[in-house]
Structures are given as C-alpha cells and as structure tokens.
Amino acid sequence: MIEATVDIATADGSMETFSCAPERGGPYPAVLFLMDAHGIREELRDMARRLAPLPMVEELQDWFK
C-alpha cells in the first residue's frame, strides 16, 4: 500500500489530502472518501487504508481546514 499526505492547491488556499493506493498496477480511478465535521483523524485514515488493496485510489480531503 502506498499512502501519502499532500496539499492540493484550491482557489481558497491548500487542502490537506490523505491518499491511499495499491502498490502495483494502475492507473486507478480516484474515490473521494468524505469525512464528517471533525476533520481528518486516525479513524478515517484507517478506513481508507482498509480499502487500499482494492483497485482504486482513496482520497480523504480535509474540507474544513
């Protein structure tokens, strides 16, 4: 599994994004993993990690930062 936290540039500044993907193959479609109002936290990262073996890229974005 490949995972990274990156900042994505938006019109209102940067948005922190946690990304998980399988180690091999690709390209894969992206799936937006929507969070609740408490922001990105370890429980949500764990949920994204559980999906990482599937042939897709999970993007967990912090919309409230």
C-alpha atoms as a PDB file:
ATOM      1  CA  MET A   1       0.000   0.000   0.000  1.00  0.00           C
ATOM      2  CA  ILE A   2       1.193   3.485  -0.842  1.00  0.00           C
ATOM      3  CA  GLU A   3      -0.013   6.294   1.399  1.00  0.00           C
ATOM      4  CA  ALA A   4       0.826   9.986   1.499  1.00  0.00           C
ATOM      5  CA  THR A   5      -0.461  13.257   2.883  1.00  0.00           C
ATOM      6  CA  VAL A   6      -0.311  16.037   0.311  1.00  0.00           C
ATOM      7  CA  ASP A   7      -1.617  19.591  -0.045  1.00  0.00           C
ATOM      8  CA  ILE A   8      -3.837  20.229  -3.057  1.00  0.00           C
ATOM      9  CA  ALA A   9      -3.999  23.801  -4.348  1.00  0.00           C
ATOM     10  CA  THR A  10      -7.508  25.300  -4.459  1.00  0.00           C
ATOM     11  CA  ALA A  11      -8.879  28.767  -5.179  1.00  0.00           C
ATOM     12  CA  ASP A  12      -9.130  29.340  -1.397  1.00  0.00           C
ATOM     13  CA  GLY A  13      -5.685  28.004  -0.461  1.00  0.00           C
ATOM     14  CA  SER A  14      -4.358  24.488   0.058  1.00  0.00           C
ATOM     15  CA  MET A  15      -6.391  21.475   1.158  1.00  0.00           C
ATOM     16  CA  GLU A  16      -4.756  18.651   3.120  1.00  0.00           C
ATOM     17  CA  THR A  17      -5.444  15.280   1.484  1.00  0.00           C
ATOM     18  CA  PHE A  18      -4.604  11.786   2.721  1.00  0.00           C
ATOM     19  CA  SER A  19      -4.206   9.348  -0.169  1.00  0.00           C
ATOM     20  CA  CYS A  20      -4.023   5.520  -0.237  1.00  0.00           C
ATOM     21  CA  ALA A  21      -3.434   3.276  -3.249  1.00  0.00           C
ATOM     22  CA  PRO A  22      -2.342  -0.258  -4.116  1.00  0.00           C
ATOM     23  CA  GLU A  23       1.417  -0.703  -4.536  1.00  0.00           C
ATOM     24  CA  ARG A  24       1.295  -2.060  -8.076  1.00  0.00           C
ATOM     25  CA  GLY A  25      -0.588  -1.566 -11.293  1.00  0.00           C
ATOM     26  CA  GLY A  26      -2.685   1.383 -12.208  1.00  0.00           C
ATOM     27  CA  PRO A  27      -3.682   3.855 -13.222  1.00  0.00           C
ATOM     28  CA  TYR A  28      -6.649   3.566 -10.906  1.00  0.00           C
ATOM     29  CA  PRO A  29      -9.841   5.616 -10.588  1.00  0.00           C
ATOM     30  CA  ALA A  30      -9.978   8.006  -7.642  1.00  0.00           C
ATOM     31  CA  VAL A  31     -12.615   7.679  -4.936  1.00  0.00           C
ATOM     32  CA  LEU A  32     -13.340  10.654  -2.670  1.00  0.00           C
ATOM     33  CA  PHE A  33     -13.641   9.469   0.930  1.00  0.00           C
ATOM     34  CA  LEU A  34     -15.917  12.039   2.591  1.00  0.00           C
ATOM     35  CA  MET A  35     -15.283  12.967   6.199  1.00  0.00           C
ATOM     36  CA  ASP A  36     -17.604  14.244   8.877  1.00  0.00           C
ATOM     37  CA  ALA A  37     -17.290  17.614  10.604  1.00  0.00           C
ATOM     38  CA  HIS A  38     -14.470  16.568  12.936  1.00  0.00           C
ATOM     39  CA  GLY A  39     -11.749  16.718  10.287  1.00  0.00           C
ATOM     40  CA  ILE A  40      -9.223  14.103   9.224  1.00  0.00           C
ATOM     41  CA  ARG A  41      -8.301  11.826  12.100  1.00  0.00           C
ATOM     42  CA  GLU A  42      -6.700   8.426  12.514  1.00  0.00           C
ATOM     43  CA  GLU A  43     -10.020   6.506  12.424  1.00  0.00           C
ATOM     44  CA  LEU A  44     -10.751   7.863   8.932  1.00  0.00           C
ATOM     45  CA  ARG A  45      -7.203   7.140   7.763  1.00  0.00           C
ATOM     46  CA  ASP A  46      -7.695   3.539   8.967  1.00  0.00           C
ATOM     47  CA  MET A  47     -10.933   3.259   6.975  1.00  0.00           C
ATOM     48  CA  ALA A  48      -9.151   4.487   3.834  1.00  0.00           C
ATOM     49  CA  ARG A  49      -6.309   2.016   4.471  1.00  0.00           C
ATOM     50  CA  ARG A  50      -8.795  -0.869   4.609  1.00  0.00           C
ATOM     51  CA  LEU A  51      -9.917   0.000   1.064  1.00  0.00           C
ATOM     52  CA  ALA A  52      -6.367   0.408  -0.274  1.00  0.00           C
ATOM     53  CA  PRO A  53      -5.979  -3.207  -1.550  1.00  0.00           C
ATOM     54  CA  LEU A  54      -8.897  -2.593  -3.952  1.00  0.00           C
ATOM     55  CA  PRO A  55      -8.060  -1.283  -7.441  1.00  0.00           C
ATOM     56  CA  MET A  56      -8.732   2.390  -6.690  1.00  0.00           C
ATOM     57  CA  VAL A  57      -7.092   5.424  -5.075  1.00  0.00           C
ATOM     58  CA  GLU A  58      -8.782   6.714  -1.925  1.00  0.00           C
ATOM     59  CA  GLU A  59      -8.605  10.471  -1.352  1.00  0.00           C
ATOM     60  CA  LEU A  60      -9.540  11.723   2.132  1.00  0.00           C
ATOM     61  CA  GLN A  61      -9.726  15.509   1.963  1.00  0.00           C
ATOM     62  CA  ASP A  62      -9.956  17.960   4.861  1.00  0.00           C
ATOM     63  CA  TRP A  63     -12.684  20.324   3.668  1.00  0.00           C
ATOM     64  CA  PHE A  64     -12.809  22.343   6.883  1.00  0.00           C
ATOM     65  CA  LYS A  65      -9.191  23.435   7.256  1.00  0.00           C
END
